[in-house]
């Protein structure tokens, strides 16, 4: 099962982590893993490459783990990032709605 965790601070999303494998299908054919990975990487690339928002990334090059934090960003950067971060959260919720046996979504205030 993939666990996707979103962290909020004072109501704003400041980070997300996904960990694990969905085991929906065999490696290379797992559409749940592919969907989560694609959405999370899209969000990270948007934050980093397009918006140039200060962030920290930790990932396993072999897959199954990605953690992105914008907690060290400026207040203005955090505000600007909310549209992308909330959009990612909605996308992950949509995956969970359809494939709830393979993905667990957690939202927490830190």
Protein backbone atom coordinates (compact mmCIF):
# COMPACT_ATOMS: atom_id res chain seq x y z
CA UNK A 1 0.00 0.00 0.00
CA UNK A 2 1.15 3.53 -0.76
CA UNK A 3 0.86 6.00 2.09
CA UNK A 4 0.64 9.64 1.05
CA UNK A 5 0.99 12.16 3.85
CA UNK A 6 0.31 15.89 3.56
CA UNK A 7 1.54 18.26 6.25
CA UNK A 8 -0.12 21.55 7.12
CA UNK A 9 1.19 24.36 9.24
CA UNK A 10 -1.22 27.13 10.21
CA UNK A 11 -3.58 25.83 7.54
CA UNK A 12 -1.07 25.93 4.66
CA UNK A 13 0.30 22.79 3.03
CA UNK A 14 4.04 22.72 3.64
CA UNK A 15 4.99 19.24 2.49
CA UNK A 16 4.03 15.84 1.19
CA UNK A 17 5.53 12.36 1.33
CA UNK A 18 4.65 9.16 -0.41
CA UNK A 19 6.05 5.87 0.77
CA UNK A 20 5.53 2.31 -0.33
CA UNK A 21 4.14 0.49 -3.34
CA UNK A 22 0.50 -0.01 -4.22
CA UNK A 23 0.88 -3.64 -5.33
CA UNK A 24 -2.06 -3.11 -7.67
CA UNK A 25 -0.15 -4.92 -10.43
CA UNK A 26 3.35 -6.11 -11.18
CA UNK A 27 6.23 -3.65 -11.36
CA UNK A 28 6.04 -1.60 -14.54
CA UNK A 29 2.29 -2.17 -14.89
CA UNK A 30 1.06 -0.70 -11.62
CA UNK A 31 -1.20 2.18 -12.62
CA UNK A 32 -1.75 3.30 -9.01
CA UNK A 33 1.97 3.70 -8.35
CA UNK A 34 2.39 5.40 -11.71
CA UNK A 35 -0.45 7.85 -11.05
CA UNK A 36 0.80 8.83 -7.58
CA UNK A 37 4.39 9.16 -8.76
CA UNK A 38 3.43 11.23 -11.80
CA UNK A 39 1.30 13.64 -9.79
CA UNK A 40 3.87 14.06 -7.02
CA UNK A 41 6.73 14.59 -9.47
CA UNK A 42 4.64 17.09 -11.45
CA UNK A 43 4.00 19.05 -8.26
CA UNK A 44 7.66 18.94 -7.24
CA UNK A 45 8.83 20.04 -10.70
CA UNK A 46 6.31 22.88 -10.68
CA UNK A 47 7.49 24.08 -7.28
CA UNK A 48 11.18 23.73 -8.10
CA UNK A 49 11.58 24.45 -11.81
CA UNK A 50 8.66 26.72 -12.65
CA UNK A 51 7.90 28.60 -9.42
CA UNK A 52 11.47 28.47 -8.05
CA UNK A 53 10.15 27.92 -4.53
CA UNK A 54 12.69 27.05 -1.86
CA UNK A 55 12.22 23.37 -1.08
CA UNK A 56 13.83 20.22 0.24
CA UNK A 57 13.47 16.90 -1.54
CA UNK A 58 14.37 13.41 -0.39
CA UNK A 59 13.76 10.43 -2.63
CA UNK A 60 14.72 6.85 -3.22
CA UNK A 61 16.17 6.56 -6.71
CA UNK A 62 14.72 3.03 -6.92
CA UNK A 63 11.19 4.37 -6.37
CA UNK A 64 8.65 4.00 -3.62
CA UNK A 65 9.63 7.09 -1.64
CA UNK A 66 9.49 10.84 -2.22
CA UNK A 67 9.34 13.61 0.35
CA UNK A 68 9.06 17.31 -0.50
CA UNK A 69 9.01 20.15 2.02
CA UNK A 70 8.55 23.88 1.48
CA UNK A 71 8.71 24.66 5.20
CA UNK A 72 11.91 26.70 4.72
CA UNK A 73 10.35 28.81 1.94
CA UNK A 74 9.47 32.43 2.55
CA UNK A 75 5.90 33.22 3.63
CA UNK A 76 5.24 34.65 0.16
CA UNK A 77 6.60 31.52 -1.54
CA UNK A 78 4.44 29.32 0.69
CA UNK A 79 1.37 31.36 -0.20
CA UNK A 80 2.18 31.12 -3.92
CA UNK A 81 2.69 27.34 -3.64
CA UNK A 82 -0.75 26.64 -2.15
CA UNK A 83 -2.57 26.35 -5.47
CA UNK A 84 -0.18 23.67 -6.68
CA UNK A 85 -0.06 21.87 -3.32
CA UNK A 86 -3.87 21.86 -2.92
CA UNK A 87 -4.25 20.66 -6.52
CA UNK A 88 -1.91 17.76 -5.76
CA UNK A 89 -3.98 16.91 -2.68
CA UNK A 90 -7.15 16.84 -4.80
CA UNK A 91 -5.47 14.57 -7.34
CA UNK A 92 -4.34 12.13 -4.67
CA UNK A 93 -7.84 12.16 -3.14
CA UNK A 94 -9.26 11.21 -6.55
CA UNK A 95 -6.85 8.27 -6.80
CA UNK A 96 -7.76 7.18 -3.27
CA UNK A 97 -11.47 7.37 -4.09
CA UNK A 98 -11.07 4.90 -6.93
CA UNK A 99 -8.24 2.72 -5.57
CA UNK A 100 -8.72 2.98 -1.81
CA UNK A 101 -7.45 -0.55 -1.17
CA UNK A 102 -4.04 0.41 -2.53
CA UNK A 103 -3.47 3.94 -1.23
CA UNK A 104 -3.88 5.62 2.14
CA UNK A 105 -4.08 9.41 2.38
CA UNK A 106 -3.19 11.17 5.64
CA UNK A 107 -3.49 14.88 6.34
CA UNK A 108 -1.99 16.27 9.50
CA UNK A 109 -1.34 19.61 11.13
CA UNK A 110 2.20 20.06 12.44
